[in-house]
Amino acid sequence: MRNEDEAADAVQDACLRALRFIGGFRGGDGRVWLLAIVRNTCYSRLKGGKTRDMETEFDDEIHSPDTATTNPEALLERSRDSEALRGALEKLPEEFREIIVMRELEGMAYKEIADVAGVPIGTVMSRLARARKRLQHMLTAAPPPKES
């Protein structure tokens, strides 16, 4: 969703949909069922144009003083790394971004990801490998030379 507030709204909408259609749940893994509803809700919101423009959000890690690290240079470097990773993730195609987020950030198993995304496990594995390779390239590529 590229915005925490939008993501929270989408999850809330998905939970309401899940509650409304709980009678259609046929057993199995409830987490996978709910995540599939969340995924579909997010795609519906994105396609329907119901999202707000990118906004700068307050981030406790970046905007609050850290008593353990008082070195401003270290704080700036950590902030730059975080922004670079977020930017690289946003540049990934949706099918790669969703797979890498579910695996690396949510810690989901390949089978769970396959069930949520509605693709075979082999596709999950290949998309994850491609996403990792693209992220590595984006994060390690030298910046283009400055024109004089």
N, C-alpha and C. Protein backbone atom coordinates (compact mmCIF):
# COMPACT_ATOMS: atom_id res chain seq x y z
N MET A 1 0.83 -1.19 0.00
CA MET A 1 0.00 0.00 0.00
C MET A 1 0.88 1.26 0.00
N ARG A 2 2.13 1.12 0.40
CA ARG A 2 3.10 2.22 0.41
C ARG A 2 2.77 3.33 1.40
N ASN A 3 1.88 3.05 2.32
CA ASN A 3 1.51 4.03 3.32
C ASN A 3 0.91 3.26 4.50
N GLU A 4 1.45 3.47 5.69
CA GLU A 4 1.00 2.71 6.86
C GLU A 4 -0.48 2.92 7.15
N ASP A 5 -0.97 4.13 7.02
CA ASP A 5 -2.39 4.39 7.27
C ASP A 5 -3.27 3.67 6.26
N GLU A 6 -2.85 3.68 4.99
CA GLU A 6 -3.60 2.97 3.96
C GLU A 6 -3.61 1.47 4.25
N ALA A 7 -2.46 0.95 4.67
CA ALA A 7 -2.37 -0.48 4.99
C ALA A 7 -3.29 -0.82 6.16
N ALA A 8 -3.30 0.03 7.18
CA ALA A 8 -4.17 -0.22 8.33
C ALA A 8 -5.64 -0.18 7.91
N ASP A 9 -6.01 0.77 7.06
CA ASP A 9 -7.39 0.84 6.57
C ASP A 9 -7.76 -0.41 5.77
N ALA A 10 -6.83 -0.86 4.94
CA ALA A 10 -7.09 -2.05 4.13
C ALA A 10 -7.26 -3.28 5.02
N VAL A 11 -6.44 -3.41 6.05
CA VAL A 11 -6.57 -4.54 6.97
C VAL A 11 -7.91 -4.47 7.70
N GLN A 12 -8.30 -3.28 8.10
CA GLN A 12 -9.59 -3.14 8.78
C GLN A 12 -10.73 -3.54 7.84
N ASP A 13 -10.68 -3.07 6.59
CA ASP A 13 -11.71 -3.46 5.62
C ASP A 13 -11.72 -4.98 5.42
N ALA A 14 -10.54 -5.57 5.34
CA ALA A 14 -10.44 -7.01 5.13
C ALA A 14 -11.02 -7.78 6.32
N CYS A 15 -10.76 -7.30 7.52
CA CYS A 15 -11.31 -7.97 8.71
C CYS A 15 -12.83 -7.89 8.73
N LEU A 16 -13.36 -6.75 8.31
CA LEU A 16 -14.82 -6.63 8.24
C LEU A 16 -15.39 -7.58 7.19
N ARG A 17 -14.70 -7.71 6.05
CA ARG A 17 -15.15 -8.65 5.02
C ARG A 17 -15.08 -10.08 5.54
N ALA A 18 -13.99 -10.40 6.22
CA ALA A 18 -13.84 -11.76 6.77
C ALA A 18 -14.95 -12.06 7.75
N LEU A 19 -15.27 -11.10 8.60
CA LEU A 19 -16.33 -11.30 9.58
C LEU A 19 -17.68 -11.49 8.89
N ARG A 20 -17.91 -10.70 7.84
CA ARG A 20 -19.17 -10.77 7.12
C ARG A 20 -19.32 -12.12 6.39
N PHE A 21 -18.19 -12.67 5.92
CA PHE A 21 -18.25 -13.91 5.14
C PHE A 21 -17.65 -15.11 5.86
N ILE A 22 -17.63 -15.08 7.19
CA ILE A 22 -17.07 -16.18 7.97
C ILE A 22 -17.81 -17.49 7.69
N GLY A 23 -19.06 -17.39 7.31
CA GLY A 23 -19.84 -18.59 6.97
C GLY A 23 -19.28 -19.32 5.76
N GLY A 24 -18.54 -18.62 4.91
CA GLY A 24 -17.95 -19.24 3.73
C GLY A 24 -16.62 -19.91 4.00
N PHE A 25 -16.11 -19.76 5.21
CA PHE A 25 -14.83 -20.39 5.57
C PHE A 25 -15.05 -21.89 5.71
N ARG A 26 -14.29 -22.68 4.96
CA ARG A 26 -14.50 -24.12 4.92
C ARG A 26 -13.45 -24.88 5.72
N GLY A 27 -12.89 -24.25 6.71
CA GLY A 27 -11.87 -24.91 7.51
C GLY A 27 -10.49 -24.72 6.90
N GLY A 28 -9.52 -25.39 7.44
CA GLY A 28 -8.15 -25.23 6.95
C GLY A 28 -7.43 -24.18 7.77
N ASP A 29 -6.43 -23.60 7.17
CA ASP A 29 -5.61 -22.60 7.86
C ASP A 29 -6.29 -21.24 7.80
N GLY A 30 -6.78 -20.78 8.94
CA GLY A 30 -7.48 -19.50 9.02
C GLY A 30 -6.59 -18.32 8.68
N ARG A 31 -5.31 -18.44 9.01
CA ARG A 31 -4.36 -17.35 8.71
C ARG A 31 -4.24 -17.13 7.21
N VAL A 32 -4.10 -18.22 6.47
CA VAL A 32 -3.99 -18.14 5.02
C VAL A 32 -5.27 -17.56 4.43
N TRP A 33 -6.42 -18.00 4.92
CA TRP A 33 -7.71 -17.50 4.44
C TRP A 33 -7.81 -15.99 4.66
N LEU A 34 -7.45 -15.54 5.87
CA LEU A 34 -7.53 -14.11 6.18
C LEU A 34 -6.51 -13.31 5.36
N LEU A 35 -5.29 -13.82 5.22
CA LEU A 35 -4.29 -13.09 4.43
C LEU A 35 -4.68 -12.98 2.97
N ALA A 36 -5.35 -13.98 2.45
CA ALA A 36 -5.84 -13.90 1.07
C ALA A 36 -6.88 -12.80 0.95
N ILE A 37 -7.74 -12.67 1.94
CA ILE A 37 -8.74 -11.59 1.94
C ILE A 37 -8.04 -10.23 2.03
N VAL A 38 -7.03 -10.13 2.89
CA VAL A 38 -6.28 -8.88 3.02
C VAL A 38 -5.61 -8.53 1.70
N ARG A 39 -4.98 -9.51 1.07
CA ARG A 39 -4.30 -9.28 -0.22
C ARG A 39 -5.29 -8.78 -1.26
N ASN A 40 -6.42 -9.47 -1.38
CA ASN A 40 -7.42 -9.07 -2.38
C ASN A 40 -7.99 -7.69 -2.08
N THR A 41 -8.17 -7.38 -0.81
CA THR A 41 -8.67 -6.06 -0.43
C THR A 41 -7.67 -4.97 -0.82
N CYS A 42 -6.39 -5.23 -0.58
CA CYS A 42 -5.35 -4.26 -0.95
C CYS A 42 -5.34 -4.02 -2.45
N TYR A 43 -5.40 -5.10 -3.23
CA TYR A 43 -5.41 -4.94 -4.68
C TYR A 43 -6.66 -4.19 -5.14
N SER A 44 -7.79 -4.47 -4.53
CA SER A 44 -9.02 -3.77 -4.90
C SER A 44 -8.91 -2.28 -4.61
N ARG A 45 -8.34 -1.94 -3.45
CA ARG A 45 -8.18 -0.53 -3.09
C ARG A 45 -7.20 0.16 -4.04
N LEU A 46 -6.13 -0.52 -4.41
CA LEU A 46 -5.15 0.08 -5.32
C LEU A 46 -5.74 0.28 -6.71
N LYS A 47 -6.47 -0.72 -7.20
CA LYS A 47 -7.06 -0.62 -8.54
C LYS A 47 -8.20 0.38 -8.57
N GLY A 48 -8.91 0.51 -7.45
CA GLY A 48 -10.05 1.42 -7.40
C GLY A 48 -9.67 2.86 -7.13
N GLY A 49 -8.39 3.12 -6.93
CA GLY A 49 -7.93 4.48 -6.68
C GLY A 49 -8.35 5.02 -5.34
N LYS A 50 -8.58 4.14 -4.36
CA LYS A 50 -9.03 4.59 -3.04
C LYS A 50 -7.87 4.91 -2.11
N THR A 51 -6.68 5.08 -2.65
CA THR A 51 -5.53 5.33 -1.79
C THR A 51 -5.19 6.81 -1.76
N ARG A 52 -4.62 7.22 -0.65
CA ARG A 52 -4.16 8.60 -0.52
C ARG A 52 -2.78 8.71 -1.14
N ASP A 53 -2.40 9.93 -1.49
CA ASP A 53 -1.06 10.16 -2.00
C ASP A 53 -0.03 9.84 -0.93
N MET A 54 1.19 9.65 -1.38
CA MET A 54 2.28 9.37 -0.45
C MET A 54 2.39 10.51 0.55
N GLU A 55 2.49 10.17 1.80
CA GLU A 55 2.62 11.15 2.86
C GLU A 55 3.84 10.82 3.69
N THR A 56 4.43 11.81 4.28
CA THR A 56 5.52 11.56 5.20
C THR A 56 4.91 11.21 6.54
N GLU A 57 5.33 10.06 7.06
CA GLU A 57 4.77 9.60 8.31
C GLU A 57 5.77 9.80 9.44
N PHE A 58 5.25 9.91 10.65
CA PHE A 58 6.11 9.97 11.82
C PHE A 58 6.57 8.56 12.10
N ASP A 59 7.88 8.37 12.18
CA ASP A 59 8.46 7.06 12.46
C ASP A 59 9.25 7.19 13.75
N ASP A 60 8.83 6.45 14.78
CA ASP A 60 9.48 6.52 16.08
C ASP A 60 10.98 6.25 15.99
N GLU A 61 11.37 5.29 15.17
CA GLU A 61 12.79 4.94 15.06
C GLU A 61 13.62 6.09 14.50
N ILE A 62 13.08 6.76 13.52
CA ILE A 62 13.84 7.81 12.85
C ILE A 62 13.70 9.15 13.56
N HIS A 63 12.50 9.47 14.03
CA HIS A 63 12.22 10.80 14.54
C HIS A 63 12.34 10.96 16.05
N SER A 64 12.58 9.89 16.78
CA SER A 64 12.73 9.99 18.23
C SER A 64 14.19 9.79 18.61
N PRO A 65 14.63 10.47 19.65
CA PRO A 65 16.02 10.30 20.06
C PRO A 65 16.27 8.87 20.55
N ASP A 66 17.41 8.32 20.15
CA ASP A 66 17.79 6.98 20.56
C ASP A 66 18.89 7.10 21.60
N THR A 67 18.60 6.69 22.81
CA THR A 67 19.58 6.86 23.88
C THR A 67 20.76 5.92 23.71
N ALA A 68 20.57 4.77 23.05
CA ALA A 68 21.67 3.83 22.88
C ALA A 68 22.66 4.33 21.83
N THR A 69 22.17 5.00 20.80
CA THR A 69 23.05 5.50 19.74
C THR A 69 22.92 7.01 19.70
N THR A 70 23.95 7.67 20.16
CA THR A 70 23.92 9.13 20.15
C THR A 70 24.78 9.71 19.05
N ASN A 71 25.40 8.86 18.26
CA ASN A 71 26.25 9.30 17.18
C ASN A 71 25.36 9.73 15.99
N PRO A 72 25.33 11.02 15.68
CA PRO A 72 24.47 11.49 14.59
C PRO A 72 24.82 10.86 13.25
N GLU A 73 26.09 10.60 13.02
CA GLU A 73 26.49 9.99 11.76
C GLU A 73 25.92 8.58 11.62
N ALA A 74 25.94 7.81 12.70
CA ALA A 74 25.38 6.45 12.68
C ALA A 74 23.87 6.50 12.47
N LEU A 75 23.21 7.46 13.11
CA LEU A 75 21.77 7.60 12.92
C LEU A 75 21.42 7.95 11.48
N LEU A 76 22.20 8.85 10.89
CA LEU A 76 21.97 9.25 9.51
C LEU A 76 22.19 8.07 8.57
N GLU A 77 23.24 7.31 8.79
CA GLU A 77 23.54 6.16 7.95
C GLU A 77 22.42 5.11 8.04
N ARG A 78 21.94 4.84 9.26
CA ARG A 78 20.86 3.87 9.44
C ARG A 78 19.59 4.36 8.74
N SER A 79 19.32 5.64 8.84
CA SER A 79 18.15 6.21 8.19
C SER A 79 18.27 6.10 6.67
N ARG A 80 19.44 6.36 6.13
CA ARG A 80 19.66 6.25 4.68
C ARG A 80 19.50 4.81 4.21
N ASP A 81 20.04 3.86 4.99
CA ASP A 81 19.90 2.45 4.63
C ASP A 81 18.44 2.04 4.60
N SER A 82 17.68 2.47 5.60
CA SER A 82 16.27 2.14 5.68
C SER A 82 15.51 2.75 4.51
N GLU A 83 15.80 3.98 4.17
CA GLU A 83 15.14 4.64 3.04
C GLU A 83 15.51 3.98 1.72
N ALA A 84 16.79 3.58 1.59
CA ALA A 84 17.22 2.92 0.36
C ALA A 84 16.50 1.58 0.19
N LEU A 85 16.37 0.83 1.26
CA LEU A 85 15.67 -0.45 1.19
C LEU A 85 14.20 -0.25 0.86
N ARG A 86 13.57 0.71 1.52
CA ARG A 86 12.15 0.98 1.26
C ARG A 86 11.96 1.42 -0.20
N GLY A 87 12.84 2.27 -0.68
CA GLY A 87 12.75 2.72 -2.07
C GLY A 87 12.95 1.58 -3.05
N ALA A 88 13.91 0.71 -2.76
CA ALA A 88 14.15 -0.44 -3.64
C ALA A 88 12.96 -1.39 -3.64
N LEU A 89 12.37 -1.62 -2.47
CA LEU A 89 11.18 -2.47 -2.40
C LEU A 89 10.03 -1.89 -3.22
N GLU A 90 9.86 -0.57 -3.16
CA GLU A 90 8.78 0.06 -3.90
C GLU A 90 8.98 -0.02 -5.41
N LYS A 91 10.23 -0.13 -5.85
CA LYS A 91 10.51 -0.22 -7.29
C LYS A 91 10.30 -1.63 -7.84
N LEU A 92 10.23 -2.62 -6.96
CA LEU A 92 10.00 -3.99 -7.42
C LEU A 92 8.60 -4.11 -8.01
N PRO A 93 8.44 -4.95 -9.03
CA PRO A 93 7.09 -5.23 -9.52
C PRO A 93 6.26 -5.85 -8.39
N GLU A 94 4.96 -5.64 -8.43
CA GLU A 94 4.07 -6.09 -7.35
C GLU A 94 4.23 -7.57 -7.02
N GLU A 95 4.32 -8.41 -8.07
CA GLU A 95 4.38 -9.85 -7.81
C GLU A 95 5.66 -10.24 -7.07
N PHE A 96 6.74 -9.50 -7.26
CA PHE A 96 7.98 -9.76 -6.52
C PHE A 96 7.92 -9.15 -5.12
N ARG A 97 7.40 -7.92 -5.05
CA ARG A 97 7.34 -7.22 -3.77
C ARG A 97 6.49 -7.97 -2.76
N GLU A 98 5.32 -8.44 -3.17
CA GLU A 98 4.45 -9.12 -2.22
C GLU A 98 5.08 -10.42 -1.71
N ILE A 99 5.77 -11.13 -2.56
CA ILE A 99 6.40 -12.40 -2.16
C ILE A 99 7.54 -12.14 -1.19
N ILE A 100 8.38 -11.16 -1.47
CA ILE A 100 9.52 -10.91 -0.58
C ILE A 100 9.06 -10.33 0.75
N VAL A 101 8.03 -9.53 0.75
CA VAL A 101 7.50 -9.00 2.01
C VAL A 101 6.93 -10.12 2.86
N MET A 102 6.15 -11.01 2.24
CA MET A 102 5.57 -12.12 3.01
C MET A 102 6.65 -13.03 3.57
N ARG A 103 7.70 -13.27 2.80
CA ARG A 103 8.75 -14.19 3.25
C ARG A 103 9.71 -13.53 4.23
N GLU A 104 10.28 -12.40 3.85
CA GLU A 104 11.36 -11.80 4.63
C GLU A 104 10.87 -10.93 5.79
N LEU A 105 9.77 -10.24 5.61
CA LEU A 105 9.29 -9.36 6.67
C LEU A 105 8.25 -10.03 7.56
N GLU A 106 7.41 -10.89 6.97
CA GLU A 106 6.37 -11.57 7.74
C GLU A 106 6.80 -12.96 8.18
N GLY A 107 7.87 -13.51 7.60
CA GLY A 107 8.37 -14.82 8.00
C GLY A 107 7.46 -15.98 7.62
N MET A 108 6.69 -15.80 6.57
CA MET A 108 5.76 -16.86 6.16
C MET A 108 6.49 -17.98 5.43
N ALA A 109 5.95 -19.18 5.54
CA ALA A 109 6.49 -20.35 4.83
C ALA A 109 6.09 -20.27 3.36
N TYR A 110 6.85 -20.97 2.51
CA TYR A 110 6.55 -20.97 1.08
C TYR A 110 5.13 -21.45 0.80
N LYS A 111 4.70 -22.46 1.49
CA LYS A 111 3.34 -23.01 1.29
C LYS A 111 2.28 -21.96 1.62
N GLU A 112 2.49 -21.25 2.73
CA GLU A 112 1.53 -20.20 3.11
C GLU A 112 1.50 -19.10 2.06
N ILE A 113 2.68 -18.70 1.58
CA ILE A 113 2.76 -17.65 0.56
C ILE A 113 2.04 -18.11 -0.71
N ALA A 114 2.28 -19.38 -1.10
CA ALA A 114 1.63 -19.91 -2.29
C ALA A 114 0.11 -19.89 -2.15
N ASP A 115 -0.38 -20.26 -0.97
CA ASP A 115 -1.83 -20.25 -0.75
C ASP A 115 -2.41 -18.84 -0.78
N VAL A 116 -1.71 -17.89 -0.15
CA VAL A 116 -2.20 -16.52 -0.12
C VAL A 116 -2.16 -15.89 -1.51
N ALA A 117 -1.05 -16.09 -2.23
CA ALA A 117 -0.89 -15.47 -3.55
C ALA A 117 -1.62 -16.24 -4.66
N GLY A 118 -2.01 -17.47 -4.36
CA GLY A 118 -2.72 -18.27 -5.36
C GLY A 118 -1.83 -18.72 -6.50
N VAL A 119 -0.56 -19.03 -6.18
CA VAL A 119 0.39 -19.50 -7.18
C VAL A 119 1.07 -20.76 -6.65
N PRO A 120 1.67 -21.56 -7.55
CA PRO A 120 2.39 -22.76 -7.10
C PRO A 120 3.63 -22.39 -6.27
N ILE A 121 4.09 -23.34 -5.45
CA ILE A 121 5.27 -23.10 -4.61
C ILE A 121 6.49 -22.79 -5.47
N GLY A 122 6.62 -23.45 -6.60
CA GLY A 122 7.75 -23.18 -7.50
C GLY A 122 7.77 -21.73 -7.97
N THR A 123 6.60 -21.17 -8.21
CA THR A 123 6.51 -19.76 -8.61
C THR A 123 6.93 -18.86 -7.46
N VAL A 124 6.53 -19.22 -6.23
CA VAL A 124 6.95 -18.45 -5.06
C VAL A 124 8.47 -18.45 -4.97
N MET A 125 9.07 -19.62 -5.14
CA MET A 125 10.52 -19.74 -5.03
C MET A 125 11.24 -18.94 -6.11
N SER A 126 10.76 -19.01 -7.34
CA SER A 126 11.42 -18.27 -8.43
C SER A 126 11.23 -16.76 -8.28
N ARG A 127 10.03 -16.34 -7.87
CA ARG A 127 9.81 -14.91 -7.66
C ARG A 127 10.66 -14.37 -6.51
N LEU A 128 10.80 -15.18 -5.47
CA LEU A 128 11.62 -14.77 -4.33
C LEU A 128 13.07 -14.63 -4.76
N ALA A 129 13.57 -15.58 -5.53
CA ALA A 129 14.95 -15.51 -6.01
C ALA A 129 15.16 -14.28 -6.89
N ARG A 130 14.21 -14.03 -7.78
CA ARG A 130 14.33 -12.87 -8.67
C ARG A 130 14.23 -11.56 -7.88
N ALA A 131 13.33 -11.52 -6.90
CA ALA A 131 13.18 -10.31 -6.09
C ALA A 131 14.46 -10.03 -5.31
N ARG A 132 15.04 -11.06 -4.72
CA ARG A 132 16.29 -10.88 -3.98
C ARG A 132 17.40 -10.39 -4.89
N LYS A 133 17.48 -10.96 -6.09
CA LYS A 133 18.53 -10.56 -7.04
C LYS A 133 18.34 -9.09 -7.46
N ARG A 134 17.11 -8.72 -7.73
CA ARG A 134 16.85 -7.32 -8.12
C ARG A 134 17.15 -6.36 -6.97
N LEU A 135 16.76 -6.73 -5.76
CA LEU A 135 17.06 -5.88 -4.60
C LEU A 135 18.56 -5.73 -4.42
N GLN A 136 19.27 -6.84 -4.54
CA GLN A 136 20.73 -6.80 -4.39
C GLN A 136 21.33 -5.87 -5.43
N HIS A 137 20.87 -5.97 -6.66
CA HIS A 137 21.40 -5.12 -7.72
C HIS A 137 21.09 -3.65 -7.46
N MET A 138 19.85 -3.37 -7.06
CA MET A 138 19.45 -1.98 -6.81
C MET A 138 20.22 -1.38 -5.64
N LEU A 139 20.49 -2.18 -4.62
CA LEU A 139 21.13 -1.65 -3.41
C LEU A 139 22.66 -1.59 -3.52
N THR A 140 23.24 -2.35 -4.44
CA THR A 140 24.70 -2.36 -4.56
C THR A 140 25.20 -1.68 -5.81
N ALA A 141 24.31 -1.34 -6.72
CA ALA A 141 24.74 -0.69 -7.96
C ALA A 141 25.30 0.68 -7.66
N ALA A 142 26.38 0.98 -8.34
CA ALA A 142 27.00 2.29 -8.16
C ALA A 142 26.09 3.36 -8.75
N PRO A 143 26.00 4.50 -8.09
CA PRO A 143 25.17 5.57 -8.65
C PRO A 143 25.76 6.07 -9.96
N PRO A 144 24.91 6.56 -10.85
CA PRO A 144 25.42 7.06 -12.13
C PRO A 144 26.35 8.24 -11.91
N PRO A 145 27.38 8.38 -12.73
CA PRO A 145 28.32 9.50 -12.55
C PRO A 145 27.63 10.84 -12.75
N LYS A 146 28.06 11.83 -11.98
CA LYS A 146 27.49 13.17 -12.10
C LYS A 146 28.03 13.85 -13.35
N GLU A 147 27.13 14.56 -14.01
CA GLU A 147 27.55 15.28 -15.21
C GLU A 147 28.21 16.59 -14.81
N SER A 148 29.25 16.93 -15.51
CA SER A 148 29.98 18.17 -15.19
C SER A 148 29.41 19.35 -15.90
